[in-house]
């Protein structure tokens, strides 16, 4: 378990699969994470098995209550770079700074324990709340990829962001984060 200021990050357990399925099928999470289909328990079990083998998947907890997911994947070991994913699945916990605390906590782990040079992520360019949350912990805009997602009858851009060890900022707990 990795403890943050207000959250704890713990490994995903099989007993979490139902909540993760429900979170990932939540319309807001589903839209902003840019998923292509809905998820079954079997899908979640397969995704989590792959995530454990290829990365560092965690459940975000607040006072022992699971509220979302965060993790590191897509490791490029030679370059000491990986990708971060995060979402607050429980709508009652969104917009309260828990995602920022979870990101700060996991980034400290990534840089201090895994000795990474850089962590990157992508999100839909229209997800202003998530972009603000990412910027508050130190992520900076690297690129905009035009027309990368076809959703609701229109093309949507994606933003690529990254943070390096020396760019990490302490979580301010602003509450400005979106679903991702």
N, C-alpha and C. Protein backbone atom coordinates (compact mmCIF):
# COMPACT_ATOMS: atom_id res chain seq x y z
N UNK A 1 0.85 -1.18 0.00
CA UNK A 1 0.00 0.00 0.00
C UNK A 1 0.89 1.24 0.00
N UNK A 2 0.49 2.22 -0.79
CA UNK A 2 1.21 3.48 -0.86
C UNK A 2 0.28 4.55 -0.30
N UNK A 3 0.75 5.27 0.70
CA UNK A 3 -0.09 6.28 1.34
C UNK A 3 0.23 7.68 0.82
N UNK A 4 -0.84 8.40 0.50
CA UNK A 4 -0.72 9.79 0.11
C UNK A 4 -1.18 10.67 1.25
N UNK A 5 -1.41 11.92 0.96
CA UNK A 5 -1.89 12.85 1.97
C UNK A 5 -3.30 12.51 2.42
N UNK A 6 -4.19 12.20 1.45
CA UNK A 6 -5.59 11.91 1.75
C UNK A 6 -6.06 10.57 1.21
N UNK A 7 -5.26 9.95 0.37
CA UNK A 7 -5.65 8.69 -0.26
C UNK A 7 -4.61 7.61 0.04
N UNK A 8 -5.03 6.38 -0.20
CA UNK A 8 -4.11 5.24 -0.19
C UNK A 8 -4.26 4.55 -1.54
N UNK A 9 -3.16 4.05 -2.05
CA UNK A 9 -3.16 3.29 -3.28
C UNK A 9 -2.82 1.85 -2.92
N UNK A 10 -3.68 0.93 -3.28
CA UNK A 10 -3.43 -0.48 -2.96
C UNK A 10 -3.59 -1.32 -4.21
N UNK A 11 -2.97 -2.48 -4.23
CA UNK A 11 -3.10 -3.36 -5.39
C UNK A 11 -4.57 -3.73 -5.63
N UNK A 12 -4.89 -3.95 -6.88
CA UNK A 12 -6.24 -4.37 -7.27
C UNK A 12 -6.44 -5.82 -6.82
N UNK A 13 -7.60 -6.08 -6.25
CA UNK A 13 -7.96 -7.44 -5.82
C UNK A 13 -9.15 -7.91 -6.64
N UNK A 14 -9.33 -9.21 -6.71
CA UNK A 14 -10.46 -9.75 -7.46
C UNK A 14 -11.80 -9.22 -6.94
N UNK A 15 -11.87 -8.95 -5.66
CA UNK A 15 -13.11 -8.41 -5.08
C UNK A 15 -13.41 -6.99 -5.58
N UNK A 16 -12.45 -6.34 -6.23
CA UNK A 16 -12.67 -4.99 -6.80
C UNK A 16 -13.27 -5.03 -8.19
N UNK A 17 -13.28 -6.20 -8.84
CA UNK A 17 -13.65 -6.27 -10.25
C UNK A 17 -15.05 -5.72 -10.52
N UNK A 18 -16.01 -6.01 -9.66
CA UNK A 18 -17.37 -5.53 -9.89
C UNK A 18 -17.43 -4.00 -9.83
N UNK A 19 -16.78 -3.40 -8.84
CA UNK A 19 -16.76 -1.94 -8.74
C UNK A 19 -16.05 -1.33 -9.94
N UNK A 20 -14.92 -1.92 -10.35
CA UNK A 20 -14.18 -1.40 -11.50
C UNK A 20 -15.05 -1.48 -12.75
N UNK A 21 -15.75 -2.59 -12.94
CA UNK A 21 -16.65 -2.71 -14.09
C UNK A 21 -17.70 -1.60 -14.06
N UNK A 22 -18.31 -1.39 -12.89
CA UNK A 22 -19.33 -0.35 -12.78
C UNK A 22 -18.75 1.04 -13.04
N UNK A 23 -17.56 1.31 -12.52
CA UNK A 23 -16.92 2.60 -12.77
C UNK A 23 -16.64 2.80 -14.24
N UNK A 24 -16.05 1.79 -14.87
CA UNK A 24 -15.66 1.93 -16.28
C UNK A 24 -16.86 2.00 -17.21
N UNK A 25 -18.01 1.51 -16.76
CA UNK A 25 -19.24 1.61 -17.54
C UNK A 25 -20.05 2.86 -17.20
N UNK A 26 -19.62 3.60 -16.19
CA UNK A 26 -20.26 4.88 -15.86
C UNK A 26 -20.11 5.79 -17.08
N UNK A 27 -21.20 6.43 -17.49
CA UNK A 27 -21.17 7.20 -18.73
C UNK A 27 -20.09 8.27 -18.77
N UNK A 28 -19.88 8.96 -17.65
CA UNK A 28 -18.87 10.02 -17.63
C UNK A 28 -17.46 9.43 -17.74
N UNK A 29 -17.16 8.42 -16.95
CA UNK A 29 -15.85 7.78 -17.02
C UNK A 29 -15.65 7.18 -18.41
N UNK A 30 -16.66 6.45 -18.88
CA UNK A 30 -16.58 5.78 -20.17
C UNK A 30 -16.27 6.79 -21.28
N UNK A 31 -16.94 7.95 -21.28
CA UNK A 31 -16.74 8.95 -22.33
C UNK A 31 -15.34 9.56 -22.25
N UNK A 32 -14.95 10.04 -21.05
CA UNK A 32 -13.67 10.73 -20.92
C UNK A 32 -12.48 9.80 -21.05
N UNK A 33 -12.60 8.54 -20.67
CA UNK A 33 -11.51 7.58 -20.83
C UNK A 33 -11.42 7.10 -22.28
N UNK A 34 -12.41 7.44 -23.06
CA UNK A 34 -12.43 7.13 -24.48
C UNK A 34 -12.48 5.63 -24.75
N UNK A 35 -13.25 4.93 -23.90
CA UNK A 35 -13.43 3.49 -24.10
C UNK A 35 -14.30 3.26 -25.33
N UNK A 36 -14.11 2.12 -25.97
CA UNK A 36 -14.84 1.81 -27.20
C UNK A 36 -16.06 0.93 -26.96
N UNK A 37 -16.09 0.23 -25.83
CA UNK A 37 -17.21 -0.68 -25.57
C UNK A 37 -17.45 -0.73 -24.07
N UNK A 38 -18.57 -1.30 -23.69
CA UNK A 38 -18.83 -1.51 -22.28
C UNK A 38 -18.05 -2.74 -21.81
N UNK A 39 -17.95 -2.89 -20.51
CA UNK A 39 -17.12 -3.94 -19.92
C UNK A 39 -17.94 -4.94 -19.13
N UNK A 40 -17.51 -6.20 -19.20
CA UNK A 40 -18.06 -7.28 -18.37
C UNK A 40 -17.05 -7.60 -17.27
N UNK A 41 -17.44 -8.41 -16.32
CA UNK A 41 -16.50 -8.85 -15.29
C UNK A 41 -15.34 -9.61 -15.93
N UNK A 42 -15.62 -10.43 -16.94
CA UNK A 42 -14.56 -11.18 -17.63
C UNK A 42 -13.57 -10.21 -18.29
N UNK A 43 -14.08 -9.11 -18.87
CA UNK A 43 -13.20 -8.10 -19.47
C UNK A 43 -12.28 -7.50 -18.41
N UNK A 44 -12.86 -7.17 -17.26
CA UNK A 44 -12.09 -6.55 -16.19
C UNK A 44 -11.02 -7.52 -15.69
N UNK A 45 -11.39 -8.79 -15.51
CA UNK A 45 -10.41 -9.79 -15.05
C UNK A 45 -9.25 -9.89 -16.03
N UNK A 46 -9.54 -9.88 -17.32
CA UNK A 46 -8.48 -9.95 -18.34
C UNK A 46 -7.62 -8.70 -18.33
N UNK A 47 -8.24 -7.54 -18.23
CA UNK A 47 -7.52 -6.27 -18.21
C UNK A 47 -6.60 -6.20 -16.99
N UNK A 48 -7.12 -6.61 -15.83
CA UNK A 48 -6.32 -6.54 -14.61
C UNK A 48 -5.16 -7.53 -14.61
N UNK A 49 -5.37 -8.71 -15.18
CA UNK A 49 -4.28 -9.68 -15.29
C UNK A 49 -3.16 -9.11 -16.16
N UNK A 50 -3.53 -8.50 -17.28
CA UNK A 50 -2.54 -7.90 -18.16
C UNK A 50 -1.86 -6.71 -17.46
N UNK A 51 -2.65 -5.89 -16.75
CA UNK A 51 -2.09 -4.73 -16.06
C UNK A 51 -1.06 -5.15 -15.01
N UNK A 52 -1.33 -6.22 -14.27
CA UNK A 52 -0.38 -6.71 -13.27
C UNK A 52 0.90 -7.21 -13.91
N UNK A 53 0.77 -7.83 -15.08
CA UNK A 53 1.94 -8.36 -15.76
C UNK A 53 2.79 -7.29 -16.42
N UNK A 54 2.16 -6.20 -16.83
CA UNK A 54 2.87 -5.17 -17.61
C UNK A 54 3.10 -3.86 -16.87
N UNK A 55 2.49 -3.70 -15.69
CA UNK A 55 2.60 -2.40 -15.05
C UNK A 55 2.33 -2.46 -13.55
N UNK A 56 1.82 -1.36 -13.05
CA UNK A 56 1.56 -1.19 -11.62
C UNK A 56 0.13 -0.64 -11.46
N UNK A 57 -0.88 -1.51 -11.40
CA UNK A 57 -2.27 -1.05 -11.24
C UNK A 57 -2.65 -0.92 -9.76
N UNK A 58 -3.39 0.12 -9.44
CA UNK A 58 -3.83 0.36 -8.06
C UNK A 58 -5.30 0.79 -8.02
N UNK A 59 -5.89 0.56 -6.87
CA UNK A 59 -7.19 1.12 -6.53
C UNK A 59 -6.92 2.31 -5.62
N UNK A 60 -7.65 3.39 -5.84
CA UNK A 60 -7.55 4.58 -4.98
C UNK A 60 -8.57 4.41 -3.86
N UNK A 61 -8.11 4.54 -2.61
CA UNK A 61 -9.01 4.45 -1.46
C UNK A 61 -8.97 5.72 -0.64
N UNK A 62 -10.13 6.05 -0.07
CA UNK A 62 -10.25 7.14 0.89
C UNK A 62 -10.93 6.55 2.12
N UNK A 63 -10.25 6.59 3.25
CA UNK A 63 -10.78 6.02 4.49
C UNK A 63 -11.29 4.60 4.30
N UNK A 64 -10.55 3.80 3.55
CA UNK A 64 -10.90 2.40 3.34
C UNK A 64 -11.96 2.15 2.28
N UNK A 65 -12.45 3.20 1.63
CA UNK A 65 -13.47 3.07 0.59
C UNK A 65 -12.80 3.20 -0.78
N UNK A 66 -12.99 2.20 -1.64
CA UNK A 66 -12.44 2.26 -3.00
C UNK A 66 -13.23 3.28 -3.81
N UNK A 67 -12.51 4.23 -4.43
CA UNK A 67 -13.19 5.30 -5.18
C UNK A 67 -12.75 5.41 -6.63
N UNK A 68 -11.65 4.74 -7.02
CA UNK A 68 -11.19 4.90 -8.39
C UNK A 68 -9.96 4.05 -8.68
N UNK A 69 -9.37 4.31 -9.85
CA UNK A 69 -8.22 3.54 -10.36
C UNK A 69 -7.11 4.48 -10.76
N UNK A 70 -5.91 3.98 -10.61
CA UNK A 70 -4.73 4.69 -11.08
C UNK A 70 -3.66 3.64 -11.34
N UNK A 71 -2.78 3.93 -12.26
CA UNK A 71 -1.71 2.98 -12.51
C UNK A 71 -0.69 3.49 -13.49
N UNK A 72 0.35 2.71 -13.62
CA UNK A 72 1.43 2.97 -14.56
C UNK A 72 1.50 1.80 -15.52
N UNK A 73 1.68 2.10 -16.80
CA UNK A 73 1.80 1.05 -17.81
C UNK A 73 2.62 1.55 -18.99
N UNK A 74 2.69 0.76 -20.03
CA UNK A 74 3.44 1.13 -21.24
C UNK A 74 4.87 1.56 -20.92
N UNK A 75 5.56 0.73 -20.14
CA UNK A 75 6.94 1.05 -19.74
C UNK A 75 7.88 0.94 -20.93
N UNK A 76 8.72 1.95 -21.05
CA UNK A 76 9.84 1.94 -21.99
C UNK A 76 11.09 1.98 -21.12
N UNK A 77 11.56 0.82 -20.74
CA UNK A 77 12.61 0.69 -19.73
C UNK A 77 13.90 1.42 -20.12
N UNK A 78 14.32 1.31 -21.37
CA UNK A 78 15.56 1.98 -21.78
C UNK A 78 15.47 3.49 -21.53
N UNK A 79 14.31 4.07 -21.84
CA UNK A 79 14.12 5.51 -21.71
C UNK A 79 13.67 5.93 -20.31
N UNK A 80 13.32 4.93 -19.47
CA UNK A 80 12.80 5.18 -18.11
C UNK A 80 11.57 6.08 -18.16
N UNK A 81 10.64 5.70 -19.05
CA UNK A 81 9.39 6.43 -19.25
C UNK A 81 8.23 5.43 -19.19
N UNK A 82 7.12 5.86 -18.65
CA UNK A 82 5.90 5.05 -18.69
C UNK A 82 4.70 5.98 -18.80
N UNK A 83 3.53 5.38 -18.91
CA UNK A 83 2.28 6.12 -18.99
C UNK A 83 1.51 5.99 -17.69
N UNK A 84 0.73 7.00 -17.37
CA UNK A 84 -0.13 7.02 -16.19
C UNK A 84 -1.57 7.06 -16.65
N UNK A 85 -2.44 6.34 -15.96
CA UNK A 85 -3.89 6.44 -16.17
C UNK A 85 -4.54 6.63 -14.81
N UNK A 86 -5.64 7.37 -14.79
CA UNK A 86 -6.33 7.65 -13.53
C UNK A 86 -7.77 8.01 -13.81
N UNK A 87 -8.66 7.59 -12.94
CA UNK A 87 -10.02 8.12 -12.92
C UNK A 87 -10.63 7.91 -11.54
N UNK A 88 -11.50 8.82 -11.17
CA UNK A 88 -12.29 8.67 -9.95
C UNK A 88 -13.61 8.06 -10.40
N UNK A 89 -13.84 6.83 -10.01
CA UNK A 89 -15.02 6.10 -10.47
C UNK A 89 -16.28 6.42 -9.71
N UNK A 90 -16.16 6.69 -8.42
CA UNK A 90 -17.32 6.98 -7.59
C UNK A 90 -17.68 8.45 -7.74
N UNK A 91 -18.84 8.76 -8.32
CA UNK A 91 -19.20 10.16 -8.58
C UNK A 91 -19.21 11.04 -7.32
N UNK A 92 -19.47 10.46 -6.17
CA UNK A 92 -19.51 11.23 -4.94
C UNK A 92 -18.15 11.75 -4.49
N UNK A 93 -17.08 11.25 -5.09
CA UNK A 93 -15.72 11.65 -4.71
C UNK A 93 -15.04 12.50 -5.78
N UNK A 94 -15.72 12.77 -6.87
CA UNK A 94 -15.12 13.57 -7.94
C UNK A 94 -15.06 15.04 -7.56
N UNK A 95 -14.05 15.72 -8.07
CA UNK A 95 -13.94 17.17 -7.87
C UNK A 95 -13.53 17.58 -6.48
N UNK A 96 -12.94 16.66 -5.69
CA UNK A 96 -12.56 16.98 -4.31
C UNK A 96 -11.06 16.87 -4.08
N UNK A 97 -10.29 16.74 -5.14
CA UNK A 97 -8.84 16.71 -5.01
C UNK A 97 -8.23 15.34 -4.78
N UNK A 98 -9.04 14.29 -4.73
CA UNK A 98 -8.50 12.94 -4.50
C UNK A 98 -7.66 12.46 -5.67
N UNK A 99 -8.06 12.80 -6.88
CA UNK A 99 -7.27 12.41 -8.05
C UNK A 99 -5.90 13.06 -8.04
N UNK A 100 -5.84 14.33 -7.65
CA UNK A 100 -4.56 15.03 -7.57
C UNK A 100 -3.65 14.41 -6.52
N UNK A 101 -4.21 14.06 -5.37
CA UNK A 101 -3.42 13.42 -4.33
C UNK A 101 -2.93 12.05 -4.80
N UNK A 102 -3.82 11.31 -5.47
CA UNK A 102 -3.43 9.98 -5.99
C UNK A 102 -2.31 10.12 -7.01
N UNK A 103 -2.42 11.11 -7.90
CA UNK A 103 -1.36 11.30 -8.91
C UNK A 103 -0.05 11.70 -8.26
N UNK A 104 -0.07 12.64 -7.33
CA UNK A 104 1.16 13.05 -6.64
C UNK A 104 1.81 11.87 -5.94
N UNK A 105 0.99 11.04 -5.31
CA UNK A 105 1.48 9.88 -4.58
C UNK A 105 2.12 8.88 -5.53
N UNK A 106 1.44 8.58 -6.64
CA UNK A 106 1.98 7.60 -7.58
C UNK A 106 3.20 8.15 -8.32
N UNK A 107 3.21 9.44 -8.62
CA UNK A 107 4.37 10.02 -9.28
C UNK A 107 5.59 9.99 -8.37
N UNK A 108 5.41 10.25 -7.09
CA UNK A 108 6.54 10.15 -6.16
C UNK A 108 7.08 8.73 -6.15
N UNK A 109 6.20 7.75 -6.16
CA UNK A 109 6.60 6.34 -6.23
C UNK A 109 7.35 6.06 -7.54
N UNK A 110 6.82 6.57 -8.64
CA UNK A 110 7.42 6.33 -9.96
C UNK A 110 8.84 6.90 -10.03
N UNK A 111 9.03 8.09 -9.50
CA UNK A 111 10.34 8.72 -9.60
C UNK A 111 11.30 8.21 -8.53
N UNK A 112 10.82 8.02 -7.31
CA UNK A 112 11.71 7.63 -6.22
C UNK A 112 11.98 6.12 -6.17
N UNK A 113 10.95 5.31 -6.33
CA UNK A 113 11.11 3.86 -6.19
C UNK A 113 11.45 3.17 -7.51
N UNK A 114 10.85 3.65 -8.61
CA UNK A 114 11.08 3.02 -9.91
C UNK A 114 12.16 3.72 -10.72
N UNK A 115 12.65 4.84 -10.21
CA UNK A 115 13.72 5.61 -10.84
C UNK A 115 13.40 5.98 -12.29
N UNK A 116 12.15 6.40 -12.52
CA UNK A 116 11.76 6.83 -13.85
C UNK A 116 12.25 8.24 -14.14
N UNK A 117 12.42 8.54 -15.40
CA UNK A 117 12.81 9.87 -15.85
C UNK A 117 11.57 10.72 -16.15
N UNK A 118 10.54 10.08 -16.71
CA UNK A 118 9.37 10.83 -17.17
C UNK A 118 8.13 9.94 -17.12
N UNK A 119 6.99 10.56 -16.84
CA UNK A 119 5.70 9.88 -16.88
C UNK A 119 4.82 10.69 -17.82
N UNK A 120 4.15 10.00 -18.72
CA UNK A 120 3.30 10.69 -19.69
C UNK A 120 1.86 10.19 -19.58
N UNK A 121 0.97 10.90 -20.20
CA UNK A 121 -0.44 10.51 -20.27
C UNK A 121 -1.08 11.19 -21.46
N UNK A 122 -2.27 10.76 -21.78
CA UNK A 122 -3.07 11.44 -22.80
C UNK A 122 -4.47 11.59 -22.25
N UNK A 123 -5.18 12.57 -22.77
CA UNK A 123 -6.60 12.73 -22.45
C UNK A 123 -7.27 13.45 -23.62
N UNK A 124 -8.58 13.42 -23.63
CA UNK A 124 -9.31 14.18 -24.64
C UNK A 124 -9.08 15.66 -24.39
N UNK A 125 -8.83 16.40 -25.44
CA UNK A 125 -8.49 17.82 -25.32
C UNK A 125 -9.61 18.64 -24.69
N UNK A 126 -10.84 18.18 -24.78
CA UNK A 126 -11.96 18.93 -24.22
C UNK A 126 -12.15 18.68 -22.73
N UNK A 127 -11.35 17.81 -22.11
CA UNK A 127 -11.49 17.50 -20.69
C UNK A 127 -10.70 18.51 -19.85
N UNK A 128 -11.22 19.73 -19.81
CA UNK A 128 -10.51 20.84 -19.14
C UNK A 128 -10.26 20.56 -17.67
N UNK A 129 -11.20 19.93 -16.98
CA UNK A 129 -11.01 19.63 -15.55
C UNK A 129 -9.85 18.70 -15.31
N UNK A 130 -9.74 17.66 -16.13
CA UNK A 130 -8.62 16.72 -15.99
C UNK A 130 -7.30 17.42 -16.33
N UNK A 131 -7.29 18.22 -17.37
CA UNK A 131 -6.05 18.91 -17.76
C UNK A 131 -5.59 19.83 -16.64
N UNK A 132 -6.51 20.55 -16.00
CA UNK A 132 -6.14 21.41 -14.86
C UNK A 132 -5.54 20.57 -13.73
N UNK A 133 -6.15 19.42 -13.44
CA UNK A 133 -5.64 18.54 -12.38
C UNK A 133 -4.25 18.04 -12.72
N UNK A 134 -4.03 17.64 -13.97
CA UNK A 134 -2.72 17.16 -14.39
C UNK A 134 -1.67 18.27 -14.26
N UNK A 135 -2.03 19.47 -14.69
CA UNK A 135 -1.10 20.60 -14.60
C UNK A 135 -0.75 20.93 -13.15
N UNK A 136 -1.69 20.79 -12.25
CA UNK A 136 -1.45 21.12 -10.84
C UNK A 136 -0.41 20.22 -10.20
N UNK A 137 -0.25 18.98 -10.71
CA UNK A 137 0.78 18.10 -10.15
C UNK A 137 2.06 18.13 -10.97
N UNK A 138 2.10 18.95 -12.02
CA UNK A 138 3.34 19.15 -12.76
C UNK A 138 3.33 18.74 -14.22
N UNK A 139 2.28 18.09 -14.70
CA UNK A 139 2.24 17.71 -16.11
C UNK A 139 2.21 18.96 -16.99
N UNK A 140 2.89 18.85 -18.13
CA UNK A 140 2.94 19.94 -19.10
C UNK A 140 2.51 19.42 -20.46
N UNK A 141 1.90 20.29 -21.23
CA UNK A 141 1.40 19.96 -22.56
C UNK A 141 2.58 19.67 -23.49
N UNK A 142 2.56 18.51 -24.13
CA UNK A 142 3.59 18.15 -25.10
C UNK A 142 3.08 18.29 -26.53
N UNK A 143 1.84 17.85 -26.76
CA UNK A 143 1.33 17.86 -28.13
C UNK A 143 -0.19 17.71 -28.12
N UNK A 144 -0.77 18.15 -29.21
CA UNK A 144 -2.18 17.89 -29.47
C UNK A 144 -2.25 17.05 -30.73
N UNK A 145 -2.92 15.91 -30.61
CA UNK A 145 -3.10 15.01 -31.75
C UNK A 145 -4.51 15.24 -32.29
N UNK A 146 -4.58 15.78 -33.48
CA UNK A 146 -5.87 16.14 -34.07
C UNK A 146 -6.68 14.91 -34.46
N UNK A 147 -7.98 15.01 -34.23
CA UNK A 147 -8.95 14.02 -34.73
C UNK A 147 -8.57 12.58 -34.39
N UNK A 148 -8.24 12.31 -33.14
CA UNK A 148 -7.81 10.97 -32.75
C UNK A 148 -8.94 10.08 -32.25
N UNK A 149 -10.08 10.66 -31.90
CA UNK A 149 -11.20 9.86 -31.37
C UNK A 149 -12.49 10.27 -32.05
N UNK A 150 -13.22 9.29 -32.56
CA UNK A 150 -14.52 9.51 -33.17
C UNK A 150 -15.58 9.20 -32.12
N UNK A 151 -16.28 10.23 -31.65
CA UNK A 151 -17.28 10.06 -30.58
C UNK A 151 -18.47 10.94 -30.89
N UNK A 152 -19.64 10.39 -30.68
CA UNK A 152 -20.88 11.16 -30.82
C UNK A 152 -20.96 11.90 -32.15
N UNK A 153 -20.51 11.25 -33.21
CA UNK A 153 -20.63 11.81 -34.54
C UNK A 153 -19.64 12.90 -34.89
N UNK A 154 -18.56 13.03 -34.12
CA UNK A 154 -17.57 14.07 -34.39
C UNK A 154 -16.18 13.58 -34.00
N UNK A 155 -15.17 14.21 -34.59
CA UNK A 155 -13.79 13.92 -34.24
C UNK A 155 -13.40 14.75 -33.02
N UNK A 156 -12.55 14.15 -32.18
CA UNK A 156 -12.07 14.83 -30.98
C UNK A 156 -10.55 14.70 -30.91
N UNK A 157 -9.91 15.79 -30.48
CA UNK A 157 -8.46 15.80 -30.33
C UNK A 157 -8.05 15.15 -29.01
N UNK A 158 -6.83 14.67 -28.98
CA UNK A 158 -6.21 14.19 -27.75
C UNK A 158 -5.02 15.08 -27.41
N UNK A 159 -4.78 15.25 -26.13
CA UNK A 159 -3.64 16.01 -25.64
C UNK A 159 -2.67 15.02 -25.01
N UNK A 160 -1.40 15.15 -25.32
CA UNK A 160 -0.34 14.38 -24.70
C UNK A 160 0.36 15.30 -23.71
N UNK A 161 0.54 14.80 -22.47
CA UNK A 161 1.19 15.58 -21.42
C UNK A 161 2.24 14.70 -20.76
N UNK A 162 3.24 15.34 -20.15
CA UNK A 162 4.25 14.58 -19.41
C UNK A 162 4.78 15.42 -18.26
N UNK A 163 5.39 14.69 -17.31
CA UNK A 163 6.06 15.33 -16.17
C UNK A 163 7.36 14.57 -15.94
N UNK A 164 8.39 15.32 -15.59
CA UNK A 164 9.67 14.73 -15.23
C UNK A 164 9.89 14.91 -13.74
N UNK A 165 10.82 14.14 -13.22
CA UNK A 165 11.10 14.18 -11.77
C UNK A 165 11.23 15.63 -11.27
N UNK A 166 11.96 16.46 -11.97
CA UNK A 166 12.18 17.83 -11.51
C UNK A 166 10.97 18.74 -11.72
N UNK A 167 9.93 18.24 -12.39
CA UNK A 167 8.73 19.04 -12.61
C UNK A 167 7.58 18.71 -11.68
N UNK A 168 7.78 17.72 -10.81
CA UNK A 168 6.72 17.28 -9.90
C UNK A 168 6.38 18.39 -8.92
N UNK A 169 5.08 18.61 -8.72
CA UNK A 169 4.58 19.64 -7.82
C UNK A 169 3.77 18.94 -6.74
N UNK A 170 3.86 19.41 -5.52
CA UNK A 170 3.06 18.85 -4.43
C UNK A 170 1.58 19.10 -4.70
N UNK A 171 0.72 18.12 -4.38
CA UNK A 171 -0.72 18.24 -4.57
C UNK A 171 -1.28 19.33 -3.68
N UNK A 172 -2.02 20.23 -4.28
CA UNK A 172 -2.64 21.33 -3.54
C UNK A 172 -4.05 20.97 -3.07
N UNK A 173 -4.58 19.83 -3.54
CA UNK A 173 -5.93 19.43 -3.14
C UNK A 173 -6.98 20.40 -3.64
N UNK A 174 -6.87 20.86 -4.87
CA UNK A 174 -7.71 21.92 -5.40
C UNK A 174 -9.14 21.50 -5.65
N UNK A 175 -9.36 20.22 -5.94
CA UNK A 175 -10.70 19.80 -6.27
C UNK A 175 -11.08 20.08 -7.69
N UNK A 176 -10.15 20.41 -8.56
CA UNK A 176 -10.47 20.77 -9.94
C UNK A 176 -10.45 19.61 -10.90
N UNK A 177 -10.34 18.38 -10.44
CA UNK A 177 -10.14 17.32 -11.41
C UNK A 177 -11.44 16.84 -12.01
N UNK A 178 -11.31 16.33 -13.22
CA UNK A 178 -12.44 15.71 -13.90
C UNK A 178 -12.45 14.22 -13.63
N UNK A 179 -13.20 13.49 -14.44
CA UNK A 179 -13.35 12.05 -14.23
C UNK A 179 -12.09 11.29 -14.56
N UNK A 180 -11.21 11.87 -15.38
CA UNK A 180 -10.02 11.13 -15.74
C UNK A 180 -8.80 11.75 -15.12
